[in-house]
N, C-alpha and C. Protein backbone atom coordinates (compact mmCIF):
# COMPACT_ATOMS: atom_id res chain seq x y z
N MET A 1 -66.24 59.43 -88.92
CA MET A 1 -65.17 59.74 -89.74
C MET A 1 -64.86 58.12 -90.37
N GLU A 2 -64.20 58.42 -91.64
CA GLU A 2 -63.98 57.37 -92.40
C GLU A 2 -62.81 56.57 -92.33
N ASP A 3 -63.05 54.90 -92.27
CA ASP A 3 -62.20 54.69 -91.95
C ASP A 3 -61.55 53.75 -93.31
N LYS A 4 -60.51 53.60 -93.63
CA LYS A 4 -60.16 53.77 -95.28
C LYS A 4 -59.71 52.19 -94.75
N TYR A 5 -59.36 51.79 -93.58
CA TYR A 5 -58.90 50.04 -93.44
C TYR A 5 -59.77 48.93 -93.57
N GLN A 6 -61.45 49.50 -93.43
CA GLN A 6 -61.98 48.59 -92.47
C GLN A 6 -61.74 47.95 -92.05
N LEU A 7 -61.25 48.32 -91.24
CA LEU A 7 -60.90 47.34 -89.77
C LEU A 7 -62.08 46.94 -89.03
N LYS A 8 -63.61 47.33 -88.56
CA LYS A 8 -64.39 46.50 -88.17
C LYS A 8 -64.74 45.75 -89.37
N PRO A 9 -65.25 45.97 -90.40
CA PRO A 9 -65.51 44.47 -91.26
C PRO A 9 -64.61 43.52 -90.99
N PHE A 10 -63.34 43.62 -91.33
CA PHE A 10 -62.59 42.82 -91.43
C PHE A 10 -61.92 42.42 -90.42
N ILE A 11 -62.29 42.51 -89.00
CA ILE A 11 -62.30 41.79 -87.76
C ILE A 11 -64.09 41.49 -87.46
N ILE A 12 -64.92 41.72 -88.25
CA ILE A 12 -66.10 41.12 -87.87
C ILE A 12 -65.99 39.49 -89.04
N ASN A 13 -65.46 39.39 -89.83
CA ASN A 13 -65.29 38.80 -91.20
C ASN A 13 -64.40 37.82 -90.72
N GLU A 14 -63.38 38.09 -89.83
CA GLU A 14 -62.21 37.15 -89.59
C GLU A 14 -62.65 36.26 -88.44
N PHE A 15 -63.38 36.97 -87.77
CA PHE A 15 -63.99 35.95 -85.91
C PHE A 15 -65.12 34.91 -86.52
N ASP A 16 -65.97 35.39 -87.89
CA ASP A 16 -66.71 34.59 -88.40
C ASP A 16 -66.36 33.35 -89.20
N ARG A 17 -65.45 33.40 -90.07
CA ARG A 17 -65.05 32.52 -91.09
C ARG A 17 -63.76 32.03 -90.97
N GLY A 18 -62.79 33.07 -89.63
CA GLY A 18 -61.84 31.84 -89.34
C GLY A 18 -60.86 31.82 -90.41
N ASN A 19 -60.46 32.34 -90.99
CA ASN A 19 -58.75 31.76 -92.18
C ASN A 19 -57.68 32.29 -91.68
N ILE A 20 -57.57 33.37 -91.12
CA ILE A 20 -56.44 33.88 -90.35
C ILE A 20 -56.19 32.62 -89.44
N ARG A 21 -57.41 32.48 -87.91
CA ARG A 21 -57.84 31.72 -87.09
C ARG A 21 -57.16 29.88 -87.44
N GLY A 22 -57.51 29.36 -88.77
CA GLY A 22 -56.99 28.16 -89.21
C GLY A 22 -55.81 28.24 -89.68
N ALA A 23 -55.42 28.93 -90.48
CA ALA A 23 -54.19 28.97 -90.93
C ALA A 23 -52.97 28.90 -90.04
N ASN A 24 -53.54 29.69 -89.01
CA ASN A 24 -51.88 30.17 -88.34
C ASN A 24 -52.26 30.20 -86.91
N PHE A 25 -53.09 29.09 -86.06
CA PHE A 25 -53.50 29.72 -85.03
C PHE A 25 -53.87 27.97 -84.51
N PRO A 26 -53.14 26.40 -85.06
CA PRO A 26 -54.48 25.25 -84.91
C PRO A 26 -54.37 24.94 -83.81
N MET A 27 -53.27 25.35 -82.56
CA MET A 27 -54.57 25.25 -81.25
C MET A 27 -54.95 25.84 -80.69
N LEU A 28 -56.00 26.69 -81.58
CA LEU A 28 -57.76 27.45 -81.11
C LEU A 28 -58.47 25.97 -82.12
N THR A 29 -58.05 26.44 -83.32
CA THR A 29 -58.96 25.62 -83.85
C THR A 29 -59.06 24.09 -84.41
N THR A 30 -57.67 23.48 -83.91
CA THR A 30 -57.84 21.89 -83.92
C THR A 30 -57.55 21.22 -83.01
N TYR A 31 -56.40 21.12 -82.57
CA TYR A 31 -55.66 20.07 -81.64
C TYR A 31 -56.10 20.95 -79.89
N GLY A 32 -56.26 21.88 -79.95
CA GLY A 32 -56.82 22.82 -78.58
C GLY A 32 -55.44 22.87 -77.78
N VAL A 33 -55.43 23.86 -76.95
CA VAL A 33 -54.40 24.68 -76.28
C VAL A 33 -54.75 24.49 -74.93
N ARG A 34 -54.03 23.91 -73.70
CA ARG A 34 -54.06 23.80 -72.49
C ARG A 34 -54.49 24.55 -71.93
N ASP A 35 -55.48 24.72 -71.23
CA ASP A 35 -55.88 25.91 -70.01
C ASP A 35 -54.47 26.46 -68.77
N TYR A 36 -53.68 26.22 -69.15
CA TYR A 36 -52.61 26.58 -67.75
C TYR A 36 -51.73 28.27 -68.05
N SER A 37 -52.32 27.79 -66.72
CA SER A 37 -51.40 29.54 -66.34
C SER A 37 -52.14 30.83 -67.39
N GLU A 38 -50.63 31.09 -68.25
CA GLU A 38 -51.82 32.15 -69.14
C GLU A 38 -51.81 31.69 -70.48
N SER A 39 -51.46 30.32 -71.34
CA SER A 39 -50.99 29.86 -72.12
C SER A 39 -52.79 30.65 -73.39
N VAL A 40 -53.94 30.76 -72.43
CA VAL A 40 -55.08 30.21 -73.59
C VAL A 40 -54.89 32.28 -73.66
N HIS A 41 -54.82 32.96 -72.46
CA HIS A 41 -54.44 34.57 -72.78
C HIS A 41 -53.57 34.88 -74.10
N SER A 42 -52.22 34.16 -73.52
CA SER A 42 -51.25 34.29 -75.15
C SER A 42 -51.98 33.97 -76.35
N THR A 43 -52.06 33.06 -76.58
CA THR A 43 -52.71 32.46 -77.36
C THR A 43 -53.43 33.58 -78.19
N GLY A 44 -54.19 33.99 -77.10
CA GLY A 44 -55.94 35.02 -77.80
C GLY A 44 -55.00 36.42 -77.85
N LEU A 45 -54.53 36.90 -78.03
CA LEU A 45 -53.22 38.06 -77.61
C LEU A 45 -52.81 38.48 -79.16
N ASN A 46 -52.31 37.41 -79.07
CA ASN A 46 -51.37 36.61 -80.18
C ASN A 46 -51.97 36.72 -81.46
N TYR A 47 -53.37 35.87 -81.74
CA TYR A 47 -54.01 35.87 -82.63
C TYR A 47 -54.79 37.22 -82.88
N LEU A 48 -55.07 37.92 -82.00
CA LEU A 48 -55.74 39.46 -82.24
C LEU A 48 -54.47 40.15 -83.30
N THR A 49 -53.10 40.17 -82.66
CA THR A 49 -52.21 41.02 -82.93
C THR A 49 -52.01 40.23 -84.50
N GLU A 50 -52.37 39.30 -84.73
CA GLU A 50 -52.28 38.21 -86.06
C GLU A 50 -52.81 39.32 -87.12
N ILE A 51 -53.55 39.28 -86.78
CA ILE A 51 -55.54 39.80 -88.02
C ILE A 51 -54.84 40.95 -88.47
N GLY A 52 -54.48 41.90 -87.77
CA GLY A 52 -53.71 43.33 -88.10
C GLY A 52 -52.56 42.94 -88.84
N ARG A 53 -51.78 42.06 -88.75
CA ARG A 53 -51.03 41.40 -89.46
C ARG A 53 -50.97 41.61 -90.93
N HIS A 54 -52.61 41.11 -91.78
CA HIS A 54 -52.60 40.80 -92.28
C HIS A 54 -53.36 42.08 -93.61
N ILE A 55 -53.61 42.86 -92.65
CA ILE A 55 -54.24 44.22 -93.30
C ILE A 55 -53.10 45.08 -93.71
N GLU A 56 -53.18 45.71 -95.14
CA GLU A 56 -52.24 46.32 -95.76
C GLU A 56 -51.70 47.89 -94.78
N GLY A 57 -50.78 48.45 -94.66
CA GLY A 57 -50.36 49.36 -93.95
C GLY A 57 -50.89 49.82 -93.18
N ILE A 58 -50.64 48.19 -92.09
CA ILE A 58 -50.74 48.05 -90.40
C ILE A 58 -49.15 47.59 -89.95
N THR A 59 -49.16 48.26 -89.23
CA THR A 59 -48.29 47.41 -87.96
C THR A 59 -48.89 47.00 -86.62
N SER A 60 -48.66 45.79 -86.03
CA SER A 60 -49.62 45.43 -85.33
C SER A 60 -48.77 44.66 -84.23
N LEU A 61 -48.80 45.44 -82.87
CA LEU A 61 -47.98 45.34 -81.88
C LEU A 61 -48.69 44.23 -81.28
N SER A 62 -47.72 43.53 -80.09
CA SER A 62 -48.57 42.66 -78.48
C SER A 62 -48.17 43.56 -77.75
N GLU A 63 -49.06 43.68 -76.60
CA GLU A 63 -48.51 44.27 -75.26
C GLU A 63 -47.43 45.22 -75.13
N PHE A 64 -47.97 46.90 -76.18
CA PHE A 64 -47.06 47.57 -76.41
C PHE A 64 -47.68 48.46 -75.39
N PRO A 65 -46.25 49.02 -74.19
CA PRO A 65 -47.16 50.63 -73.34
C PRO A 65 -47.69 50.97 -73.77
N VAL A 66 -48.37 51.69 -73.85
CA VAL A 66 -48.90 53.49 -74.16
C VAL A 66 -48.20 54.28 -72.89
N TYR A 67 -48.06 55.02 -73.28
CA TYR A 67 -47.48 56.38 -72.55
C TYR A 67 -48.73 56.98 -71.88
N PRO A 68 -48.07 57.21 -70.32
CA PRO A 68 -49.29 57.60 -69.66
C PRO A 68 -49.45 59.22 -70.05
N VAL A 69 -49.81 60.19 -70.81
CA VAL A 69 -50.13 61.15 -71.05
C VAL A 69 -51.34 61.12 -72.26
N ASN A 70 -52.49 62.00 -71.56
CA ASN A 70 -53.14 62.86 -72.44
C ASN A 70 -52.95 63.55 -73.41
N PRO A 71 -52.30 63.63 -74.66
CA PRO A 71 -52.07 64.55 -76.14
C PRO A 71 -53.18 65.83 -75.93
N GLN A 72 -54.17 65.73 -75.65
CA GLN A 72 -54.92 66.60 -75.48
C GLN A 72 -55.10 67.82 -74.49
N TYR A 73 -54.28 67.63 -73.33
CA TYR A 73 -53.90 67.81 -72.24
C TYR A 73 -52.53 68.36 -71.67
N SER A 74 -51.70 67.49 -73.08
CA SER A 74 -50.00 67.57 -72.50
C SER A 74 -49.79 67.55 -71.49
N HIS A 75 -50.28 66.73 -70.30
CA HIS A 75 -49.72 66.33 -69.31
C HIS A 75 -49.91 64.45 -69.17
N ARG A 76 -48.86 63.88 -67.69
CA ARG A 76 -49.66 62.91 -66.61
C ARG A 76 -50.74 63.12 -66.29
N VAL A 77 -51.56 61.81 -66.84
CA VAL A 77 -52.75 61.84 -66.30
C VAL A 77 -53.09 60.40 -65.80
N THR A 78 -52.16 59.53 -65.37
CA THR A 78 -52.56 58.69 -64.71
C THR A 78 -51.35 57.14 -64.87
N ARG A 79 -51.61 56.08 -64.57
CA ARG A 79 -50.78 54.93 -65.43
C ARG A 79 -50.50 54.85 -66.22
N GLU A 80 -49.38 53.98 -66.69
CA GLU A 80 -48.77 53.26 -68.19
C GLU A 80 -49.95 51.82 -68.06
N VAL A 81 -50.75 51.63 -69.38
CA VAL A 81 -50.93 50.18 -69.39
C VAL A 81 -50.79 50.10 -70.74
N ARG A 82 -50.75 48.41 -71.04
CA ARG A 82 -50.41 47.87 -71.66
C ARG A 82 -51.28 46.97 -72.18
N PRO A 83 -52.00 47.08 -73.66
CA PRO A 83 -53.07 46.31 -74.17
C PRO A 83 -52.82 45.66 -74.71
N ASP A 84 -53.27 44.66 -74.97
CA ASP A 84 -52.97 43.38 -75.85
C ASP A 84 -52.50 43.45 -76.67
N SER A 85 -53.27 43.87 -78.14
CA SER A 85 -53.03 44.46 -79.18
C SER A 85 -53.22 45.76 -79.54
N LEU A 86 -52.26 46.41 -80.03
CA LEU A 86 -52.47 47.75 -80.78
C LEU A 86 -51.81 48.08 -82.11
N TRP A 87 -52.58 48.73 -82.86
CA TRP A 87 -52.38 48.87 -83.94
C TRP A 87 -51.78 50.06 -84.44
N PHE A 88 -50.93 50.33 -85.25
CA PHE A 88 -50.65 51.93 -86.07
C PHE A 88 -50.52 51.39 -87.14
N GLU A 89 -51.59 52.79 -87.82
CA GLU A 89 -50.74 53.11 -89.05
C GLU A 89 -49.25 52.72 -89.60
N LYS A 90 -49.01 52.27 -90.66
CA LYS A 90 -47.39 52.25 -91.31
C LYS A 90 -47.00 53.49 -91.63
N GLU A 91 -47.82 54.37 -92.36
CA GLU A 91 -47.25 56.05 -93.07
C GLU A 91 -47.22 56.84 -91.74
N THR A 92 -48.14 57.00 -90.97
CA THR A 92 -47.94 57.68 -90.12
C THR A 92 -47.90 57.81 -88.19
N GLY A 93 -47.85 56.19 -88.28
CA GLY A 93 -47.09 55.97 -87.20
C GLY A 93 -49.01 56.67 -85.79
N LYS A 94 -49.44 56.82 -86.38
CA LYS A 94 -50.98 57.24 -85.62
C LYS A 94 -51.98 55.84 -85.25
N PRO A 95 -51.78 55.53 -84.21
CA PRO A 95 -52.66 54.58 -83.33
C PRO A 95 -54.18 54.39 -83.87
N LEU A 96 -54.26 52.88 -84.61
CA LEU A 96 -55.85 52.76 -84.80
C LEU A 96 -57.02 51.94 -84.46
N PHE A 97 -55.92 50.77 -83.55
CA PHE A 97 -56.72 50.43 -82.78
C PHE A 97 -56.16 49.44 -81.89
N ILE A 98 -57.00 49.52 -80.40
CA ILE A 98 -56.65 48.62 -79.08
C ILE A 98 -57.00 47.53 -79.38
N ALA A 99 -56.99 46.13 -78.25
CA ALA A 99 -57.82 44.97 -78.07
C ALA A 99 -57.96 44.62 -76.83
N GLU A 100 -58.40 43.81 -76.12
CA GLU A 100 -57.97 42.82 -74.72
C GLU A 100 -58.58 41.79 -74.91
N PHE A 101 -57.85 40.86 -74.82
CA PHE A 101 -58.31 39.53 -74.69
C PHE A 101 -58.44 38.77 -72.99
N GLU A 102 -59.71 39.10 -72.51
CA GLU A 102 -59.44 38.58 -71.06
C GLU A 102 -60.89 37.22 -70.92
N ARG A 103 -60.11 36.39 -69.62
CA ARG A 103 -61.01 35.33 -69.88
C ARG A 103 -62.28 35.71 -68.26
N PHE A 104 -63.30 34.89 -68.43
CA PHE A 104 -64.83 35.20 -68.29
C PHE A 104 -64.72 34.51 -67.61
N GLU A 105 -65.49 34.09 -65.94
CA GLU A 105 -65.68 33.22 -64.94
C GLU A 105 -66.51 33.71 -64.15
N ASN A 106 -67.09 33.16 -63.76
CA ASN A 106 -68.90 33.99 -63.19
C ASN A 106 -67.84 33.43 -61.01
N SER A 107 -66.85 34.66 -60.85
CA SER A 107 -66.56 34.94 -59.76
C SER A 107 -66.08 36.30 -59.41
N LYS A 108 -65.67 37.07 -58.03
CA LYS A 108 -65.82 37.85 -57.73
C LYS A 108 -64.55 38.17 -58.07
N LEU A 109 -63.02 37.99 -57.90
CA LEU A 109 -61.99 37.62 -58.70
C LEU A 109 -62.09 38.25 -59.85
N LYS A 110 -62.25 37.24 -60.40
CA LYS A 110 -62.48 37.00 -62.30
C LYS A 110 -63.43 38.60 -62.68
N HIS A 111 -64.36 39.08 -61.55
CA HIS A 111 -65.34 40.14 -62.54
C HIS A 111 -64.37 41.21 -62.34
N ASN A 112 -64.15 41.60 -61.36
CA ASN A 112 -63.02 42.43 -61.11
C ASN A 112 -61.98 42.94 -61.83
N LYS A 113 -61.19 41.97 -62.62
CA LYS A 113 -60.54 41.39 -63.61
C LYS A 113 -60.78 42.96 -64.56
N LEU A 114 -62.54 41.84 -65.05
CA LEU A 114 -62.87 41.78 -66.34
C LEU A 114 -62.91 43.89 -66.39
N ARG A 115 -63.23 43.66 -64.99
CA ARG A 115 -63.87 45.23 -65.06
C ARG A 115 -62.30 46.14 -65.41
N GLU A 116 -61.13 45.80 -64.97
CA GLU A 116 -59.63 46.02 -64.72
C GLU A 116 -59.26 46.01 -66.47
N LYS A 117 -59.45 45.33 -66.98
CA LYS A 117 -59.13 45.25 -68.01
C LYS A 117 -59.87 46.44 -69.36
N ILE A 118 -61.22 46.65 -68.93
CA ILE A 118 -62.38 47.20 -69.59
C ILE A 118 -61.42 48.89 -69.11
N GLU A 119 -61.70 49.32 -68.51
CA GLU A 119 -61.23 50.57 -67.76
C GLU A 119 -59.25 50.42 -68.46
N ASN A 120 -58.75 49.74 -68.54
CA ASN A 120 -57.08 50.00 -69.12
C ASN A 120 -57.60 50.52 -70.56
N LEU A 121 -58.68 49.56 -71.39
CA LEU A 121 -58.64 49.81 -72.55
C LEU A 121 -59.25 51.29 -72.71
N LEU A 122 -59.73 51.82 -71.94
CA LEU A 122 -60.40 52.55 -72.02
C LEU A 122 -59.73 54.13 -71.74
N LEU A 123 -58.80 53.65 -70.64
CA LEU A 123 -57.72 54.58 -70.32
C LEU A 123 -57.06 54.62 -71.68
N ALA A 124 -56.17 53.76 -71.70
CA ALA A 124 -55.27 53.76 -73.47
C ALA A 124 -55.84 54.51 -74.53
N TYR A 125 -56.69 54.18 -74.74
CA TYR A 125 -57.99 54.67 -75.66
C TYR A 125 -57.57 56.39 -75.67
N HIS A 126 -57.79 56.73 -74.39
CA HIS A 126 -57.39 57.81 -74.05
C HIS A 126 -56.04 59.03 -73.91
N GLN A 127 -55.42 57.86 -74.12
CA GLN A 127 -53.80 58.38 -73.85
C GLN A 127 -53.34 58.41 -75.24
N LEU A 128 -53.98 57.61 -76.16
CA LEU A 128 -54.25 57.47 -77.27
C LEU A 128 -54.27 58.42 -78.38
N GLY A 129 -54.97 59.61 -77.36
CA GLY A 129 -55.79 60.71 -78.47
C GLY A 129 -57.12 60.98 -78.53
N GLY A 130 -58.13 59.50 -78.27
CA GLY A 130 -59.12 59.10 -77.90
C GLY A 130 -59.87 59.43 -79.69
N GLU A 131 -58.75 58.95 -80.86
CA GLU A 131 -59.47 59.08 -81.66
C GLU A 131 -59.14 57.99 -82.48
N LEU A 132 -59.19 56.87 -82.31
CA LEU A 132 -58.97 55.58 -82.97
C LEU A 132 -60.41 54.69 -83.39
N ARG A 133 -60.01 54.23 -84.18
CA ARG A 133 -61.08 53.56 -85.49
C ARG A 133 -61.89 52.51 -84.98
N VAL A 134 -61.08 51.41 -83.82
CA VAL A 134 -61.60 50.65 -83.41
C VAL A 134 -60.89 50.18 -81.89
N ILE A 135 -62.12 50.14 -81.08
CA ILE A 135 -61.44 49.49 -79.85
C ILE A 135 -62.09 48.26 -79.25
N LEU A 136 -61.72 47.04 -78.76
CA LEU A 136 -62.00 45.86 -79.35
C LEU A 136 -61.85 45.31 -77.84
N PHE A 137 -63.00 44.21 -77.80
CA PHE A 137 -63.14 43.66 -75.81
C PHE A 137 -63.49 42.18 -76.75
N VAL A 138 -62.21 41.64 -76.24
CA VAL A 138 -62.77 40.06 -76.25
C VAL A 138 -62.57 39.17 -75.06
N TYR A 139 -64.19 38.55 -74.46
CA TYR A 139 -63.98 38.17 -73.85
C TYR A 139 -64.12 36.68 -73.63
N TRP A 140 -63.36 35.50 -73.29
CA TRP A 140 -63.78 33.79 -73.63
C TRP A 140 -64.05 33.37 -72.12
N SER A 141 -64.50 32.50 -72.34
CA SER A 141 -65.70 31.46 -71.07
C SER A 141 -65.48 30.19 -71.87
N TYR A 142 -65.74 29.19 -71.04
CA TYR A 142 -66.23 28.16 -71.10
C TYR A 142 -67.10 27.98 -71.87
N GLN A 143 -67.45 26.89 -72.53
CA GLN A 143 -68.85 26.32 -72.88
C GLN A 143 -69.94 26.01 -71.89
N GLY A 144 -71.34 26.71 -72.29
CA GLY A 144 -72.04 26.89 -71.18
C GLY A 144 -71.92 27.99 -70.37
N ALA A 145 -70.79 28.56 -69.85
CA ALA A 145 -71.19 30.26 -69.06
C ALA A 145 -71.41 31.09 -69.19
N ILE A 146 -72.40 31.50 -68.56
CA ILE A 146 -73.29 32.50 -69.20
C ILE A 146 -73.01 34.13 -68.05
N PRO A 147 -72.39 34.66 -69.24
CA PRO A 147 -72.16 36.00 -67.78
C PRO A 147 -73.32 37.02 -67.85
N ASN A 148 -74.27 36.81 -67.19
CA ASN A 148 -74.97 37.91 -66.65
C ASN A 148 -74.74 38.87 -66.40
N ASP A 149 -73.85 39.59 -66.14
CA ASP A 149 -73.72 40.98 -65.49
C ASP A 149 -72.78 41.43 -66.93
N ILE A 150 -72.37 41.06 -67.79
CA ILE A 150 -71.33 41.48 -68.74
C ILE A 150 -71.47 43.10 -69.22
N GLU A 151 -72.95 43.00 -69.61
CA GLU A 151 -73.37 44.37 -69.92
C GLU A 151 -73.61 45.37 -68.71
N ASN A 152 -73.49 45.54 -67.46
CA ASN A 152 -72.96 46.29 -66.54
C ASN A 152 -71.76 46.94 -66.60
N TYR A 153 -70.95 45.62 -66.93
CA TYR A 153 -69.04 45.79 -67.80
C TYR A 153 -69.11 47.10 -68.69
N LEU A 154 -69.73 45.88 -69.53
CA LEU A 154 -69.29 47.08 -70.98
C LEU A 154 -70.24 48.40 -71.32
N ARG A 155 -71.19 48.99 -69.72
CA ARG A 155 -71.43 50.17 -70.30
C ARG A 155 -70.21 51.01 -69.65
N ILE A 156 -69.38 50.46 -69.31
CA ILE A 156 -67.97 51.57 -69.25
C ILE A 156 -67.28 52.38 -70.23
N PHE A 157 -67.78 50.99 -71.30
CA PHE A 157 -66.93 52.19 -72.19
C PHE A 157 -68.19 53.21 -73.03
N ASP A 158 -69.14 53.33 -72.78
CA ASP A 158 -70.06 54.67 -73.02
C ASP A 158 -70.81 55.59 -71.88
N GLU A 159 -70.43 55.44 -70.59
CA GLU A 159 -70.01 56.10 -69.61
C GLU A 159 -68.75 56.53 -69.12
N GLY A 160 -67.85 56.03 -69.43
CA GLY A 160 -66.62 56.49 -68.56
C GLY A 160 -66.72 55.48 -66.84
N TYR A 161 -65.54 56.34 -66.39
CA TYR A 161 -65.69 55.67 -65.15
C TYR A 161 -64.33 56.72 -64.30
N ARG A 162 -64.60 56.31 -63.00
CA ARG A 162 -64.08 57.03 -61.80
C ARG A 162 -62.65 56.42 -61.41
N MET A 163 -61.56 57.18 -61.56
CA MET A 163 -60.50 56.68 -61.12
C MET A 163 -60.87 56.14 -59.45
N ALA A 164 -60.59 55.98 -58.62
CA ALA A 164 -59.25 55.73 -57.60
C ALA A 164 -58.91 57.18 -56.79
N ASN A 165 -58.42 57.95 -57.31
CA ASN A 165 -57.70 59.34 -56.97
C ASN A 165 -58.95 60.44 -57.63
N GLY A 166 -59.88 59.71 -57.79
CA GLY A 166 -61.13 60.50 -57.81
C GLY A 166 -61.31 61.25 -59.85
N LYS A 167 -60.43 61.25 -60.36
CA LYS A 167 -60.12 61.54 -61.37
C LYS A 167 -61.11 60.38 -62.62
N HIS A 168 -62.20 61.70 -63.27
CA HIS A 168 -63.50 60.94 -63.98
C HIS A 168 -62.43 60.66 -65.60
N ILE A 169 -62.81 59.07 -66.19
CA ILE A 169 -62.00 59.05 -67.26
C ILE A 169 -63.23 58.91 -67.94
N PRO A 170 -63.62 59.63 -69.01
CA PRO A 170 -65.12 59.33 -69.84
C PRO A 170 -65.09 58.40 -71.12
N GLY A 171 -66.15 57.97 -71.34
CA GLY A 171 -66.44 56.99 -71.95
C GLY A 171 -66.15 56.84 -73.52
N LEU A 172 -66.23 56.45 -74.72
CA LEU A 172 -65.80 56.60 -76.35
C LEU A 172 -66.36 57.56 -76.71
N ASN A 173 -65.41 58.04 -78.21
CA ASN A 173 -66.82 59.41 -78.42
C ASN A 173 -66.82 58.18 -80.05
N SER A 174 -67.76 58.24 -79.73
CA SER A 174 -68.74 57.02 -80.71
C SER A 174 -68.37 57.96 -82.37
N LEU A 175 -68.08 58.70 -82.14
CA LEU A 175 -67.89 60.11 -83.69
C LEU A 175 -66.83 59.18 -84.48
N HIS A 176 -66.18 58.99 -83.51
CA HIS A 176 -64.71 58.83 -84.04
C HIS A 176 -64.02 57.04 -83.97
N THR A 177 -65.17 56.80 -82.80
CA THR A 177 -64.77 54.87 -82.81
C THR A 177 -65.63 53.90 -82.20
N LYS A 178 -65.69 52.95 -83.55
CA LYS A 178 -66.82 51.96 -83.39
C LYS A 178 -66.38 50.87 -82.34
N CYS A 179 -66.74 50.30 -81.27
CA CYS A 179 -66.73 49.46 -80.19
C CYS A 179 -67.06 48.33 -80.28
N LEU A 180 -66.29 46.95 -80.70
CA LEU A 180 -66.53 45.90 -80.72
C LEU A 180 -66.20 44.65 -80.10
N VAL A 181 -67.47 43.96 -79.45
CA VAL A 181 -66.80 43.61 -78.33
C VAL A 181 -67.07 41.97 -78.65
N PHE A 182 -67.21 40.68 -78.38
CA PHE A 182 -66.88 39.55 -79.05
C PHE A 182 -66.92 38.41 -77.45
N GLN A 183 -67.83 37.34 -77.40
CA GLN A 183 -67.56 36.42 -76.44
C GLN A 183 -66.66 35.39 -77.24
N ALA A 184 -65.44 34.66 -77.06
CA ALA A 184 -65.20 33.36 -77.75
C ALA A 184 -65.59 32.47 -76.76
N VAL A 185 -65.93 31.31 -77.33
CA VAL A 185 -66.88 30.33 -76.52
C VAL A 185 -65.48 29.27 -76.61
N ALA A 186 -65.41 28.05 -75.74
CA ALA A 186 -64.28 27.52 -75.66
C ALA A 186 -64.58 26.06 -75.52
N SER A 187 -64.27 25.25 -76.63
CA SER A 187 -65.04 24.15 -75.87
C SER A 187 -64.05 22.99 -75.72
N GLY A 188 -64.28 21.87 -75.72
CA GLY A 188 -63.94 21.52 -75.40
C GLY A 188 -62.86 20.69 -73.56
N SER A 189 -61.68 20.10 -72.71
CA SER A 189 -61.41 19.83 -71.70
C SER A 189 -60.38 20.92 -71.71
N LYS A 190 -59.95 20.94 -70.39
CA LYS A 190 -58.73 21.61 -69.68
C LYS A 190 -57.78 21.50 -70.23
N GLU A 191 -57.20 20.42 -70.57
CA GLU A 191 -56.38 20.19 -71.17
C GLU A 191 -55.85 20.27 -72.80
N SER A 192 -57.77 20.34 -73.62
CA SER A 192 -57.47 20.57 -74.66
C SER A 192 -58.55 21.76 -75.15
N LEU A 193 -58.58 22.90 -75.15
CA LEU A 193 -59.64 23.80 -75.39
C LEU A 193 -59.43 24.38 -76.76
N THR A 194 -60.30 23.91 -77.92
CA THR A 194 -60.67 25.19 -79.17
C THR A 194 -61.10 26.06 -78.84
N ILE A 195 -61.04 26.92 -79.29
CA ILE A 195 -62.00 28.33 -79.80
C ILE A 195 -62.33 28.64 -81.01
N ASN A 196 -63.14 28.30 -81.33
CA ASN A 196 -63.65 28.33 -82.80
C ASN A 196 -65.35 29.00 -82.67
N GLN A 197 -66.00 29.60 -81.70
CA GLN A 197 -66.71 30.06 -81.38
C GLN A 197 -66.72 31.38 -81.11
N TRP A 198 -66.72 32.70 -82.03
CA TRP A 198 -66.42 34.01 -81.39
C TRP A 198 -68.06 34.63 -81.67
N ILE A 199 -68.69 34.82 -81.34
CA ILE A 199 -70.19 35.88 -80.93
C ILE A 199 -70.06 37.03 -80.85
N GLN A 200 -70.50 37.52 -81.52
CA GLN A 200 -70.41 39.11 -81.33
C GLN A 200 -71.50 39.97 -80.49
N VAL A 201 -71.10 40.27 -79.65
CA VAL A 201 -72.38 40.83 -78.90
C VAL A 201 -72.08 42.26 -78.42
N ARG A 202 -71.55 43.40 -79.51
CA ARG A 202 -71.94 44.37 -79.72
C ARG A 202 -70.59 44.92 -80.99
């Protein structure tokens, strides 16, 4: 299905060139952000939301709660989730894009969090009707961190997953939705991180 807003190339171009990032988020490009609590996460998700605000015809919101209903079946299917960024078409209110920005570390705790974020993203996608133009997942890591097992988690987008209650959440419909995955590489020290390297994984 045609994407009249050209969301995918716009996002790829921004991550590559960083025009919006440089103009609006100097803590990501120049003087750095302290890695404390949720500071990097907050900065990253607001950057993703800001990108949407530079596309004519788009309304872009951060951490907007998705009503836990699958319109296809018209009943409550599971829990409420809040994607880090959700973009709507201004004219119709139709959801077009959702994104998550999550930290990657080689630890079981962080791997579980990464899986949870991917599952929540897929869940929100179906709750929004399963016809979004783009779904974006960005995982950020310190320079030198090698995410060896990342493909095992990204496979969830294709194959879906089974919830604790036994309900199967299917994968993305590639006829309607493009899946973008980027690794954002943080440079510098814990006191001052810049994130200027955004590598497309898929």
